[in-house]
């Protein structure tokens, strides 16, 4: 078994949304990408995802999808590390926004 990581990325490779799934072969890879594209489409339609990157402002038309095989054999094995990455990225985004260094920042940019 293989765990596939699918990501929706802006041109500067900020991850807008990602997902992981298990499966073998090209069908599993295609299913992971289809699931992510569906999540992004529905998220945009329900307005729970903005049509721009919160960090750099890249618009939805410039987003790309990437699917890669991970080193994990099961989602159970992958989940702790994926959760840690997700938490770290949330902290990074919050810091950039708080410093005024993100597109969605509520504050003007700070001087460095």
PDB file of N, CA and C in Angstrom:
ATOM      1  N   UNK A   1       0.847  -1.176   0.000  1.00  0.00           N
ATOM      2  CA  UNK A   1       0.000   0.000   0.000  1.00  0.00           C
ATOM      3  C   UNK A   1       0.896   1.244   0.000  1.00  0.00           C
ATOM      4  N   UNK A   2       0.379   2.325  -0.541  1.00  0.00           N
ATOM      5  CA  UNK A   2       1.084   3.601  -0.607  1.00  0.00           C
ATOM      6  C   UNK A   2       0.172   4.705  -0.096  1.00  0.00           C
ATOM      7  N   UNK A   3       0.757   5.674   0.587  1.00  0.00           N
ATOM      8  CA  UNK A   3       0.028   6.882   0.957  1.00  0.00           C
ATOM      9  C   UNK A   3       0.419   7.966  -0.036  1.00  0.00           C
ATOM     10  N   UNK A   4      -0.586   8.550  -0.657  1.00  0.00           N
ATOM     11  CA  UNK A   4      -0.407   9.627  -1.623  1.00  0.00           C
ATOM     12  C   UNK A   4      -0.715  10.949  -0.934  1.00  0.00           C
ATOM     13  N   UNK A   5       0.120  11.953  -1.176  1.00  0.00           N
ATOM     14  CA  UNK A   5      -0.092  13.302  -0.650  1.00  0.00           C
ATOM     15  C   UNK A   5      -0.468  14.179  -1.839  1.00  0.00           C
ATOM     16  N   UNK A   6      -1.640  14.767  -1.788  1.00  0.00           N
ATOM     17  CA  UNK A   6      -2.107  15.672  -2.838  1.00  0.00           C
ATOM     18  C   UNK A   6      -2.143  17.082  -2.255  1.00  0.00           C
ATOM     19  N   UNK A   7      -1.626  18.049  -3.006  1.00  0.00           N
ATOM     20  CA  UNK A   7      -1.604  19.434  -2.548  1.00  0.00           C
ATOM     21  C   UNK A   7      -2.091  20.370  -3.640  1.00  0.00           C
ATOM     22  N   UNK A   8      -2.818  21.387  -3.228  1.00  0.00           N
ATOM     23  CA  UNK A   8      -3.175  22.501  -4.098  1.00  0.00           C
ATOM     24  C   UNK A   8      -2.203  23.615  -3.730  1.00  0.00           C
ATOM     25  N   UNK A   9      -1.366  24.021  -4.696  1.00  0.00           N
ATOM     26  CA  UNK A   9      -0.289  24.971  -4.435  1.00  0.00           C
ATOM     27  C   UNK A   9      -0.431  26.224  -5.277  1.00  0.00           C
ATOM     28  N   UNK A  10      -0.055  27.361  -4.694  1.00  0.00           N
ATOM     29  CA  UNK A  10       0.034  28.584  -5.484  1.00  0.00           C
ATOM     30  C   UNK A  10       1.383  28.559  -6.210  1.00  0.00           C
ATOM     31  N   UNK A  11       1.644  29.503  -7.113  1.00  0.00           N
ATOM     32  CA  UNK A  11       2.910  29.478  -7.861  1.00  0.00           C
ATOM     33  C   UNK A  11       4.164  29.548  -6.977  1.00  0.00           C
ATOM     34  N   UNK A  12       4.045  30.111  -5.781  1.00  0.00           N
ATOM     35  CA  UNK A  12       5.203  30.158  -4.886  1.00  0.00           C
ATOM     36  C   UNK A  12       5.227  28.967  -3.931  1.00  0.00           C
ATOM     37  N   UNK A  13       4.351  27.993  -4.185  1.00  0.00           N
ATOM     38  CA  UNK A  13       4.287  26.713  -3.487  1.00  0.00           C
ATOM     39  C   UNK A  13       3.750  26.804  -2.065  1.00  0.00           C
ATOM     40  N   UNK A  14       2.966  27.838  -1.775  1.00  0.00           N
ATOM     41  CA  UNK A  14       2.215  27.823  -0.524  1.00  0.00           C
ATOM     42  C   UNK A  14       1.094  26.814  -0.697  1.00  0.00           C
ATOM     43  N   UNK A  15       0.902  25.964   0.285  1.00  0.00           N
ATOM     44  CA  UNK A  15      -0.136  24.935   0.181  1.00  0.00           C
ATOM     45  C   UNK A  15      -1.466  25.508   0.645  1.00  0.00           C
ATOM     46  N   UNK A  16      -2.435  25.544  -0.268  1.00  0.00           N
ATOM     47  CA  UNK A  16      -3.753  26.080   0.047  1.00  0.00           C
ATOM     48  C   UNK A  16      -4.647  25.022   0.676  1.00  0.00           C
ATOM     49  N   UNK A  17      -4.482  23.798   0.246  1.00  0.00           N
ATOM     50  CA  UNK A  17      -5.238  22.683   0.800  1.00  0.00           C
ATOM     51  C   UNK A  17      -4.518  21.404   0.394  1.00  0.00           C
ATOM     52  N   UNK A  18      -4.562  20.428   1.251  1.00  0.00           N
ATOM     53  CA  UNK A  18      -3.928  19.162   0.949  1.00  0.00           C
ATOM     54  C   UNK A  18      -4.733  18.015   1.514  1.00  0.00           C
ATOM     55  N   UNK A  19      -4.447  16.831   1.039  1.00  0.00           N
ATOM     56  CA  UNK A  19      -5.089  15.635   1.578  1.00  0.00           C
ATOM     57  C   UNK A  19      -4.183  14.441   1.344  1.00  0.00           C
ATOM     58  N   UNK A  20      -4.450  13.385   2.066  1.00  0.00           N
ATOM     59  CA  UNK A  20      -3.688  12.154   1.931  1.00  0.00           C
ATOM     60  C   UNK A  20      -4.668  11.005   1.735  1.00  0.00           C
ATOM     61  N   UNK A  21      -4.247  10.010   0.956  1.00  0.00           N
ATOM     62  CA  UNK A  21      -5.090   8.839   0.757  1.00  0.00           C
ATOM     63  C   UNK A  21      -4.211   7.619   0.514  1.00  0.00           C
ATOM     64  N   UNK A  22      -4.777   6.467   0.754  1.00  0.00           N
ATOM     65  CA  UNK A  22      -4.074   5.200   0.551  1.00  0.00           C
ATOM     66  C   UNK A  22      -4.496   4.550  -0.758  1.00  0.00           C
ATOM     67  N   UNK A  23      -3.571   3.846  -1.357  1.00  0.00           N
ATOM     68  CA  UNK A  23      -3.905   3.086  -2.556  1.00  0.00           C
ATOM     69  C   UNK A  23      -2.661   2.753  -3.334  1.00  0.00           C
ATOM     70  N   UNK A  24      -2.808   1.883  -4.295  1.00  0.00           N
ATOM     71  CA  UNK A  24      -1.689   1.483  -5.135  1.00  0.00           C
ATOM     72  C   UNK A  24      -1.990   1.791  -6.593  1.00  0.00           C
ATOM     73  N   UNK A  25      -0.954   2.146  -7.310  1.00  0.00           N
ATOM     74  CA  UNK A  25      -1.064   2.318  -8.752  1.00  0.00           C
ATOM     75  C   UNK A  25      -1.566   3.671  -9.184  1.00  0.00           C
ATOM     76  N   UNK A  26      -1.606   3.858 -10.503  1.00  0.00           N
ATOM     77  CA  UNK A  26      -2.005   5.145 -11.068  1.00  0.00           C
ATOM     78  C   UNK A  26      -3.447   5.525 -10.736  1.00  0.00           C
ATOM     79  N   UNK A  27      -4.308   4.533 -10.529  1.00  0.00           N
ATOM     80  CA  UNK A  27      -5.701   4.842 -10.180  1.00  0.00           C
ATOM     81  C   UNK A  27      -5.765   5.535  -8.825  1.00  0.00           C
ATOM     82  N   UNK A  28      -4.967   5.067  -7.878  1.00  0.00           N
ATOM     83  CA  UNK A  28      -4.958   5.665  -6.534  1.00  0.00           C
ATOM     84  C   UNK A  28      -4.441   7.095  -6.583  1.00  0.00           C
ATOM     85  N   UNK A  29      -3.421   7.323  -7.397  1.00  0.00           N
ATOM     86  CA  UNK A  29      -2.887   8.680  -7.554  1.00  0.00           C
ATOM     87  C   UNK A  29      -3.955   9.600  -8.141  1.00  0.00           C
ATOM     88  N   UNK A  30      -4.623   9.130  -9.176  1.00  0.00           N
ATOM     89  CA  UNK A  30      -5.676   9.918  -9.823  1.00  0.00           C
ATOM     90  C   UNK A  30      -6.833  10.180  -8.864  1.00  0.00           C
ATOM     91  N   UNK A  31      -7.186   9.210  -8.047  1.00  0.00           N
ATOM     92  CA  UNK A  31      -8.267   9.388  -7.073  1.00  0.00           C
ATOM     93  C   UNK A  31      -7.892  10.445  -6.036  1.00  0.00           C
ATOM     94  N   UNK A  32      -6.627  10.462  -5.603  1.00  0.00           N
ATOM     95  CA  UNK A  32      -6.179  11.470  -4.639  1.00  0.00           C
ATOM     96  C   UNK A  32      -6.311  12.868  -5.229  1.00  0.00           C
ATOM     97  N   UNK A  33      -5.891  13.030  -6.473  1.00  0.00           N
ATOM     98  CA  UNK A  33      -6.005  14.343  -7.118  1.00  0.00           C
ATOM     99  C   UNK A  33      -7.464  14.738  -7.303  1.00  0.00           C
ATOM    100  N   UNK A  34      -8.291  13.793  -7.732  1.00  0.00           N
ATOM    101  CA  UNK A  34      -9.714  14.084  -7.925  1.00  0.00           C
ATOM    102  C   UNK A  34     -10.369  14.498  -6.602  1.00  0.00           C
ATOM    103  N   UNK A  35     -10.047  13.797  -5.517  1.00  0.00           N
ATOM    104  CA  UNK A  35     -10.619  14.134  -4.214  1.00  0.00           C
ATOM    105  C   UNK A  35     -10.227  15.548  -3.810  1.00  0.00           C
ATOM    106  N   UNK A  36      -8.962  15.912  -4.007  1.00  0.00           N
ATOM    107  CA  UNK A  36      -8.511  17.255  -3.643  1.00  0.00           C
ATOM    108  C   UNK A  36      -9.178  18.313  -4.512  1.00  0.00           C
ATOM    109  N   UNK A  37      -9.230  18.082  -5.823  1.00  0.00           N
ATOM    110  CA  UNK A  37      -9.882  19.060  -6.707  1.00  0.00           C
ATOM    111  C   UNK A  37     -11.348  19.261  -6.307  1.00  0.00           C
ATOM    112  N   UNK A  38     -12.014  18.178  -5.929  1.00  0.00           N
ATOM    113  CA  UNK A  38     -13.403  18.271  -5.484  1.00  0.00           C
ATOM    114  C   UNK A  38     -13.510  19.095  -4.205  1.00  0.00           C
ATOM    115  N   UNK A  39     -12.600  18.856  -3.254  1.00  0.00           N
ATOM    116  CA  UNK A  39     -12.614  19.633  -2.007  1.00  0.00           C
ATOM    117  C   UNK A  39     -12.404  21.118  -2.273  1.00  0.00           C
ATOM    118  N   UNK A  40     -11.451  21.441  -3.156  1.00  0.00           N
ATOM    119  CA  UNK A  40     -11.181  22.839  -3.472  1.00  0.00           C
ATOM    120  C   UNK A  40     -12.397  23.464  -4.158  1.00  0.00           C
ATOM    121  N   UNK A  41     -12.972  22.775  -5.131  1.00  0.00           N
ATOM    122  CA  UNK A  41     -14.146  23.289  -5.846  1.00  0.00           C
ATOM    123  C   UNK A  41     -15.301  23.563  -4.883  1.00  0.00           C
ATOM    124  N   UNK A  42     -15.573  22.607  -4.009  1.00  0.00           N
ATOM    125  CA  UNK A  42     -16.668  22.796  -3.044  1.00  0.00           C
ATOM    126  C   UNK A  42     -16.338  23.880  -2.031  1.00  0.00           C
ATOM    127  N   UNK A  43     -15.105  23.924  -1.573  1.00  0.00           N
ATOM    128  CA  UNK A  43     -14.696  24.959  -0.628  1.00  0.00           C
ATOM    129  C   UNK A  43     -14.841  26.355  -1.206  1.00  0.00           C
ATOM    130  N   UNK A  44     -14.468  26.507  -2.476  1.00  0.00           N
ATOM    131  CA  UNK A  44     -14.640  27.798  -3.142  1.00  0.00           C
ATOM    132  C   UNK A  44     -16.124  28.140  -3.299  1.00  0.00           C
ATOM    133  N   UNK A  45     -16.922  27.163  -3.713  1.00  0.00           N
ATOM    134  CA  UNK A  45     -18.356  27.392  -3.918  1.00  0.00           C
ATOM    135  C   UNK A  45     -19.060  27.768  -2.608  1.00  0.00           C
ATOM    136  N   UNK A  46     -18.642  27.141  -1.510  1.00  0.00           N
ATOM    137  CA  UNK A  46     -19.247  27.425  -0.200  1.00  0.00           C
ATOM    138  C   UNK A  46     -18.604  28.622   0.487  1.00  0.00           C
ATOM    139  N   UNK A  47     -17.616  29.200  -0.154  1.00  0.00           N
ATOM    140  CA  UNK A  47     -16.876  30.356   0.355  1.00  0.00           C
ATOM    141  C   UNK A  47     -16.198  30.085   1.701  1.00  0.00           C
ATOM    142  N   UNK A  48     -15.737  28.847   1.884  1.00  0.00           N
ATOM    143  CA  UNK A  48     -14.921  28.528   3.056  1.00  0.00           C
ATOM    144  C   UNK A  48     -13.434  28.548   2.677  1.00  0.00           C
ATOM    145  N   UNK A  49     -13.165  28.651   1.389  1.00  0.00           N
ATOM    146  CA  UNK A  49     -11.813  28.860   0.867  1.00  0.00           C
ATOM    147  C   UNK A  49     -11.873  30.127   0.019  1.00  0.00           C
ATOM    148  N   UNK A  50     -10.954  31.045   0.253  1.00  0.00           N
ATOM    149  CA  UNK A  50     -10.886  32.252  -0.574  1.00  0.00           C
ATOM    150  C   UNK A  50     -10.243  31.927  -1.916  1.00  0.00           C
ATOM    151  N   UNK A  51     -10.594  32.660  -2.970  1.00  0.00           N
ATOM    152  CA  UNK A  51     -10.010  32.397  -4.286  1.00  0.00           C
ATOM    153  C   UNK A  51      -8.640  33.058  -4.473  1.00  0.00           C
ATOM    154  N   UNK A  52      -7.873  33.162  -3.401  1.00  0.00           N
ATOM    155  CA  UNK A  52      -6.523  33.695  -3.442  1.00  0.00           C
ATOM    156  C   UNK A  52      -5.707  33.035  -2.331  1.00  0.00           C
ATOM    157  N   UNK A  53      -4.403  33.056  -2.487  1.00  0.00           N
ATOM    158  CA  UNK A  53      -3.504  32.537  -1.455  1.00  0.00           C
ATOM    159  C   UNK A  53      -3.437  33.560  -0.327  1.00  0.00           C
ATOM    160  N   UNK A  54      -3.681  33.123   0.887  1.00  0.00           N
ATOM    161  CA  UNK A  54      -3.672  34.028   2.037  1.00  0.00           C
ATOM    162  C   UNK A  54      -2.292  34.609   2.314  1.00  0.00           C
ATOM    163  N   UNK A  55      -1.253  33.949   1.839  1.00  0.00           N
ATOM    164  CA  UNK A  55       0.098  34.435   2.118  1.00  0.00           C
ATOM    165  C   UNK A  55       0.639  35.364   1.044  1.00  0.00           C
ATOM    166  N   UNK A  56       0.368  35.054  -0.236  1.00  0.00           N
ATOM    167  CA  UNK A  56       0.945  35.884  -1.301  1.00  0.00           C
ATOM    168  C   UNK A  56      -0.092  36.526  -2.226  1.00  0.00           C
ATOM    169  N   UNK A  57      -1.337  36.113  -2.129  1.00  0.00           N
ATOM    170  CA  UNK A  57      -2.386  36.700  -2.948  1.00  0.00           C
ATOM    171  C   UNK A  57      -2.582  36.068  -4.319  1.00  0.00           C
ATOM    172  N   UNK A  58      -1.848  35.021  -4.643  1.00  0.00           N
ATOM    173  CA  UNK A  58      -2.010  34.367  -5.953  1.00  0.00           C
ATOM    174  C   UNK A  58      -3.460  33.919  -6.128  1.00  0.00           C
ATOM    175  N   UNK A  59      -4.015  34.207  -7.288  1.00  0.00           N
ATOM    176  CA  UNK A  59      -5.414  33.909  -7.577  1.00  0.00           C
ATOM    177  C   UNK A  59      -5.621  32.454  -7.981  1.00  0.00           C
ATOM    178  N   UNK A  60      -6.829  32.005  -7.809  1.00  0.00           N
ATOM    179  CA  UNK A  60      -7.198  30.605  -8.046  1.00  0.00           C
ATOM    180  C   UNK A  60      -6.804  30.124  -9.439  1.00  0.00           C
ATOM    181  N   UNK A  61      -6.839  30.977 -10.424  1.00  0.00           N
ATOM    182  CA  UNK A  61      -6.485  30.570 -11.791  1.00  0.00           C
ATOM    183  C   UNK A  61      -5.031  30.121 -11.894  1.00  0.00           C
ATOM    184  N   UNK A  62      -4.200  30.542 -10.957  1.00  0.00           N
ATOM    185  CA  UNK A  62      -2.775  30.187 -10.986  1.00  0.00           C
ATOM    186  C   UNK A  62      -2.421  29.010 -10.083  1.00  0.00           C
ATOM    187  N   UNK A  63      -3.390  28.475  -9.367  1.00  0.00           N
ATOM    188  CA  UNK A  63      -3.112  27.344  -8.476  1.00  0.00           C
ATOM    189  C   UNK A  63      -2.848  26.091  -9.297  1.00  0.00           C
ATOM    190  N   UNK A  64      -2.026  25.217  -8.749  1.00  0.00           N
ATOM    191  CA  UNK A  64      -1.682  23.952  -9.397  1.00  0.00           C
ATOM    192  C   UNK A  64      -1.890  22.805  -8.419  1.00  0.00           C
ATOM    193  N   UNK A  65      -2.040  21.623  -8.961  1.00  0.00           N
ATOM    194  CA  UNK A  65      -2.231  20.420  -8.150  1.00  0.00           C
ATOM    195  C   UNK A  65      -1.033  19.514  -8.318  1.00  0.00           C
ATOM    196  N   UNK A  66      -0.570  18.974  -7.205  1.00  0.00           N
ATOM    197  CA  UNK A  66       0.588  18.093  -7.213  1.00  0.00           C
ATOM    198  C   UNK A  66       0.267  16.881  -6.352  1.00  0.00           C
ATOM    199  N   UNK A  67       0.561  15.714  -6.857  1.00  0.00           N
ATOM    200  CA  UNK A  67       0.335  14.479  -6.107  1.00  0.00           C
ATOM    201  C   UNK A  67       1.639  13.697  -6.112  1.00  0.00           C
ATOM    202  N   UNK A  68       2.071  13.306  -4.927  1.00  0.00           N
ATOM    203  CA  UNK A  68       3.313  12.547  -4.806  1.00  0.00           C
ATOM    204  C   UNK A  68       3.108  11.356  -3.873  1.00  0.00           C
ATOM    205  N   UNK A  69       3.872  10.343  -4.146  1.00  0.00           N
ATOM    206  CA  UNK A  69       3.911   9.164  -3.282  1.00  0.00           C
ATOM    207  C   UNK A  69       4.701   9.538  -2.025  1.00  0.00           C
ATOM    208  N   UNK A  70       4.188   9.183  -0.861  1.00  0.00           N
ATOM    209  CA  UNK A  70       4.918   9.437   0.381  1.00  0.00           C
ATOM    210  C   UNK A  70       5.760   8.216   0.741  1.00  0.00           C
ATOM    211  N   UNK A  71       6.482   8.311   1.828  1.00  0.00           N
ATOM    212  CA  UNK A  71       7.278   7.174   2.301  1.00  0.00           C
ATOM    213  C   UNK A  71       6.469   6.252   3.199  1.00  0.00           C
ATOM    214  N   UNK A  72       5.207   6.605   3.417  1.00  0.00           N
ATOM    215  CA  UNK A  72       4.361   5.838   4.325  1.00  0.00           C
ATOM    216  C   UNK A  72       3.565   4.774   3.580  1.00  0.00           C
ATOM    217  N   UNK A  73       3.309   3.676   4.279  1.00  0.00           N
ATOM    218  CA  UNK A  73       2.521   2.595   3.700  1.00  0.00           C
ATOM    219  C   UNK A  73       1.053   2.691   4.094  1.00  0.00           C
ATOM    220  N   UNK A  74       0.753   3.370   5.218  1.00  0.00           N
ATOM    221  CA  UNK A  74      -0.633   3.478   5.681  1.00  0.00           C
ATOM    222  C   UNK A  74      -0.908   4.891   6.177  1.00  0.00           C
ATOM    223  N   UNK A  75      -2.174   5.276   6.118  1.00  0.00           N
ATOM    224  CA  UNK A  75      -2.569   6.571   6.677  1.00  0.00           C
ATOM    225  C   UNK A  75      -2.340   6.603   8.179  1.00  0.00           C
ATOM    226  N   UNK A  76      -2.533   5.480   8.820  1.00  0.00           N
ATOM    227  CA  UNK A  76      -2.296   5.409  10.272  1.00  0.00           C
ATOM    228  C   UNK A  76      -0.856   5.786  10.602  1.00  0.00           C
ATOM    229  N   UNK A  77       0.088   5.305   9.816  1.00  0.00           N
ATOM    230  CA  UNK A  77       1.493   5.632  10.043  1.00  0.00           C
ATOM    231  C   UNK A  77       1.803   7.085   9.688  1.00  0.00           C
ATOM    232  N   UNK A  78       1.137   7.616   8.685  1.00  0.00           N
ATOM    233  CA  UNK A  78       1.409   8.977   8.211  1.00  0.00           C
ATOM    234  C   UNK A  78       0.771  10.061   9.061  1.00  0.00           C
ATOM    235  N   UNK A  79      -0.338   9.759   9.699  1.00  0.00           N
ATOM    236  CA  UNK A  79      -1.139  10.782  10.370  1.00  0.00           C
ATOM    237  C   UNK A  79      -0.375  11.616  11.399  1.00  0.00           C
ATOM    238  N   UNK A  80       0.416  11.042  12.301  1.00  0.00           N
ATOM    239  CA  UNK A  80       1.110  11.896  13.280  1.00  0.00           C
ATOM    240  C   UNK A  80       2.039  12.927  12.629  1.00  0.00           C
ATOM    241  N   UNK A  81       2.805  12.502  11.629  1.00  0.00           N
ATOM    242  CA  UNK A  81       3.719  13.441  10.982  1.00  0.00           C
ATOM    243  C   UNK A  81       2.964  14.483  10.163  1.00  0.00           C
ATOM    244  N   UNK A  82       1.921  14.073   9.469  1.00  0.00           N
ATOM    245  CA  UNK A  82       1.126  15.033   8.701  1.00  0.00           C
ATOM    246  C   UNK A  82       0.456  16.046   9.624  1.00  0.00           C
ATOM    247  N   UNK A  83      -0.036  15.601  10.759  1.00  0.00           N
ATOM    248  CA  UNK A  83      -0.652  16.511  11.729  1.00  0.00           C
ATOM    249  C   UNK A  83       0.369  17.500  12.276  1.00  0.00           C
ATOM    250  N   UNK A  84       1.580  17.038  12.517  1.00  0.00           N
ATOM    251  CA  UNK A  84       2.635  17.934  13.009  1.00  0.00           C
ATOM    252  C   UNK A  84       2.991  18.983  11.960  1.00  0.00           C
ATOM    253  N   UNK A  85       3.100  18.567  10.690  1.00  0.00           N
ATOM    254  CA  UNK A  85       3.362  19.529   9.615  1.00  0.00           C
ATOM    255  C   UNK A  85       2.228  20.548   9.504  1.00  0.00           C
ATOM    256  N   UNK A  86       1.004  20.077   9.577  1.00  0.00           N
ATOM    257  CA  UNK A  86      -0.151  20.974   9.480  1.00  0.00           C
ATOM    258  C   UNK A  86      -0.132  22.004  10.609  1.00  0.00           C
ATOM    259  N   UNK A  87       0.150  21.568  11.825  1.00  0.00           N
ATOM    260  CA  UNK A  87       0.204  22.484  12.971  1.00  0.00           C
ATOM    261  C   UNK A  87       1.326  23.506  12.800  1.00  0.00           C
ATOM    262  N   UNK A  88       2.486  23.061  12.344  1.00  0.00           N
ATOM    263  CA  UNK A  88       3.615  23.972  12.148  1.00  0.00           C
ATOM    264  C   UNK A  88       3.303  25.013  11.078  1.00  0.00           C
ATOM    265  N   UNK A  89       2.655  24.596   9.998  1.00  0.00           N
ATOM    266  CA  UNK A  89       2.295  25.531   8.940  1.00  0.00           C
ATOM    267  C   UNK A  89       1.253  26.548   9.414  1.00  0.00           C
ATOM    268  N   UNK A  90       0.339  26.127  10.259  1.00  0.00           N
ATOM    269  CA  UNK A  90      -0.659  27.057  10.805  1.00  0.00           C
ATOM    270  C   UNK A  90       0.023  28.117  11.664  1.00  0.00           C
ATOM    271  N   UNK A  91       1.007  27.715  12.441  1.00  0.00           N
ATOM    272  CA  UNK A  91       1.757  28.667  13.259  1.00  0.00           C
ATOM    273  C   UNK A  91       2.511  29.650  12.362  1.00  0.00           C
ATOM    274  N   UNK A  92       3.175  29.136  11.336  1.00  0.00           N
ATOM    275  CA  UNK A  92       3.913  30.007  10.414  1.00  0.00           C
ATOM    276  C   UNK A  92       2.988  31.026   9.763  1.00  0.00           C
ATOM    277  N   UNK A  93       1.829  30.579   9.286  1.00  0.00           N
ATOM    278  CA  UNK A  93       0.872  31.498   8.657  1.00  0.00           C
ATOM    279  C   UNK A  93       0.404  32.553   9.657  1.00  0.00           C
ATOM    280  N   UNK A  94       0.114  32.150  10.889  1.00  0.00           N
ATOM    281  CA  UNK A  94      -0.343  33.100  11.909  1.00  0.00           C
ATOM    282  C   UNK A  94       0.736  34.138  12.206  1.00  0.00           C
ATOM    283  N   UNK A  95       1.973  33.715  12.284  1.00  0.00           N
ATOM    284  CA  UNK A  95       3.076  34.650  12.555  1.00  0.00           C
ATOM    285  C   UNK A  95       3.225  35.636  11.400  1.00  0.00           C
ATOM    286  N   UNK A  96       3.223  35.135  10.165  1.00  0.00           N
ATOM    287  CA  UNK A  96       3.345  36.029   9.014  1.00  0.00           C
ATOM    288  C   UNK A  96       2.203  37.036   8.956  1.00  0.00           C
ATOM    289  N   UNK A  97       0.993  36.584   9.254  1.00  0.00           N
ATOM    290  CA  UNK A  97      -0.155  37.499   9.261  1.00  0.00           C
ATOM    291  C   UNK A  97      -0.021  38.521  10.385  1.00  0.00           C
ATOM    292  N   UNK A  98       0.399  38.085  11.559  1.00  0.00           N
ATOM    293  CA  UNK A  98       0.550  38.991  12.698  1.00  0.00           C
ATOM    294  C   UNK A  98       1.633  40.040  12.439  1.00  0.00           C
ATOM    295  N   UNK A  99       2.634  39.685  11.664  1.00  0.00           N
ATOM    296  CA  UNK A  99       3.716  40.605  11.334  1.00  0.00           C
ATOM    297  C   UNK A  99       3.391  41.496  10.136  1.00  0.00           C
ATOM    298  N   UNK A 100       2.224  41.298   9.543  1.00  0.00           N
ATOM    299  CA  UNK A 100       1.860  42.084   8.374  1.00  0.00           C
ATOM    300  C   UNK A 100       2.598  41.647   7.122  1.00  0.00           C
ATOM    301  N   UNK A 101       3.073  40.418   7.096  1.00  0.00           N
ATOM    302  CA  UNK A 101       3.854  39.929   5.969  1.00  0.00           C
ATOM    303  C   UNK A 101       3.073  38.968   5.078  1.00  0.00           C
ATOM    304  N   UNK A 102       1.765  38.902   5.244  1.00  0.00           N
ATOM    305  CA  UNK A 102       0.924  38.015   4.440  1.00  0.00           C
ATOM    306  C   UNK A 102      -0.159  38.831   3.744  1.00  0.00           C
ATOM    307  N   UNK A 103      -0.625  38.299   2.636  1.00  0.00           N
ATOM    308  CA  UNK A 103      -1.664  38.964   1.848  1.00  0.00           C
ATOM    309  C   UNK A 103      -2.919  39.234   2.680  1.00  0.00           C
ATOM    310  N   UNK A 104      -3.315  38.272   3.493  1.00  0.00           N
ATOM    311  CA  UNK A 104      -4.510  38.413   4.335  1.00  0.00           C
ATOM    312  C   UNK A 104      -4.230  39.045   5.686  1.00  0.00           C
ATOM    313  N   UNK A 105      -3.087  39.638   5.848  1.00  0.00           N
ATOM    314  CA  UNK A 105      -2.721  40.232   7.126  1.00  0.00           C
ATOM    315  C   UNK A 105      -3.639  41.397   7.461  1.00  0.00           C
ATOM    316  N   UNK A 106      -4.148  41.437   8.700  1.00  0.00           N
ATOM    317  CA  UNK A 106      -5.000  42.554   9.101  1.00  0.00           C
ATOM    318  C   UNK A 106      -4.202  43.815   9.420  1.00  0.00           C
ATOM    319  N   UNK A 107      -2.893  43.700   9.512  1.00  0.00           N
ATOM    320  CA  UNK A 107      -2.036  44.822   9.890  1.00  0.00           C
ATOM    321  C   UNK A 107      -1.163  45.254   8.713  1.00  0.00           C
ATOM    322  N   UNK A 108      -0.726  46.506   8.725  1.00  0.00           N
ATOM    323  CA  UNK A 108       0.238  46.907   7.695  1.00  0.00           C
ATOM    324  C   UNK A 108       1.562  46.197   7.941  1.00  0.00           C
ATOM    325  N   UNK A 109       2.382  46.044   6.906  1.00  0.00           N
ATOM    326  CA  UNK A 109       3.666  45.362   7.077  1.00  0.00           C
ATOM    327  C   UNK A 109       4.544  46.040   8.121  1.00  0.00           C
ATOM    328  N   UNK A 110       5.262  45.221   8.863  1.00  0.00           N
ATOM    329  CA  UNK A 110       6.199  45.742   9.859  1.00  0.00           C
ATOM    330  C   UNK A 110       7.541  45.987   9.200  1.00  0.00           C
ATOM    331  N   UNK A 111       8.323  46.874   9.770  1.00  0.00           N
ATOM    332  CA  UNK A 111       9.663  47.130   9.247  1.00  0.00           C
ATOM    333  C   UNK A 111      10.592  46.096   9.835  1.00  0.00           C
ATOM    334  N   UNK A 112      11.433  45.523   8.986  1.00  0.00           N
ATOM    335  CA  UNK A 112      12.394  44.502   9.450  1.00  0.00           C
ATOM    336  C   UNK A 112      13.746  45.114   9.644  1.00  0.00           C
TER     337      UNK A 112
END
